Each structure stands twice: as C-alpha cells, then as structure tokens.
Amino acid sequence: MDRIIDLDDVAAEIDRRRPAWLADGLHVGPTTWRDAADPWPQRIQPERDKAIDPDSVGVDVKAGDRGEMGVCMFRGGWADLTVVTYEPVAEIIINDAPEFSSPGAFGTALDEAI
C-alpha cells in the first residue's frame, strides 16, 4: 500500500480533539493501530510502539445511548467512517470511505462527523 498520509500526524489530529470530545461528555476509546508487518489476521492495538510498520490508525467515539462514530484511516489515503445514531431508531447516517490528502483534511472530516 502506498504511503499517502502520515499516520502519526493523523493520530495527532485525533489526540488534538480528544479533550473537547471528553468535555462534551463523549466516551473516546483509545487510538488504535494496525501493523502491516503482522501476520494475518492483523491485530488492532493501542500501543503505537508495537506498530512497527503502521498501515492504519483509528478511534471509536460514543455518545451514550445517542450514537457512535468509528473511523479508521489508512496510510493509502482513505478512511472507513461510520456514524450511527440511536435516536429515534438505530440508523447508519454515514457509512463512507472518503479519501484524504492531508491529516488536516481528515481532522476537518472528524469535526463534521462529530
């Protein structure tokens, strides 16, 4: 997979938003990494130093019983982004695989999804 985007910079975009998300009462899971060098099936892990050749970084954000967002950014420049609302009924409101050319553009998409 081509290295289009620096995943450490993407993780910094997530970490930069974490305090505001927590202040808003959201539950923010750990930033998680997948190592391309791991044998299949590759494990998702919260320790960056164990991802020697990271190919994805992600986070889950939950808003209690109102909904949740899961996002996983791949070094190839695309992300898996899912936002689910539980009110008034469970419904997927975003299920997309957008492409990004910069960590900042990814951060903007996080803001819009939240």
Foldseek 3Di string as FASTA:
>chain_A
DDQQEDVVLLVVLVVVCVVVLVVVVKDKDAKWWWAPPDPPPTDIGRDPVVRPHTFKIWIKIGDPQFWIWIWIAGSVFWMFIWIWGPPPHTDTPDGDIDGHNYSVVVSVVVVVRD
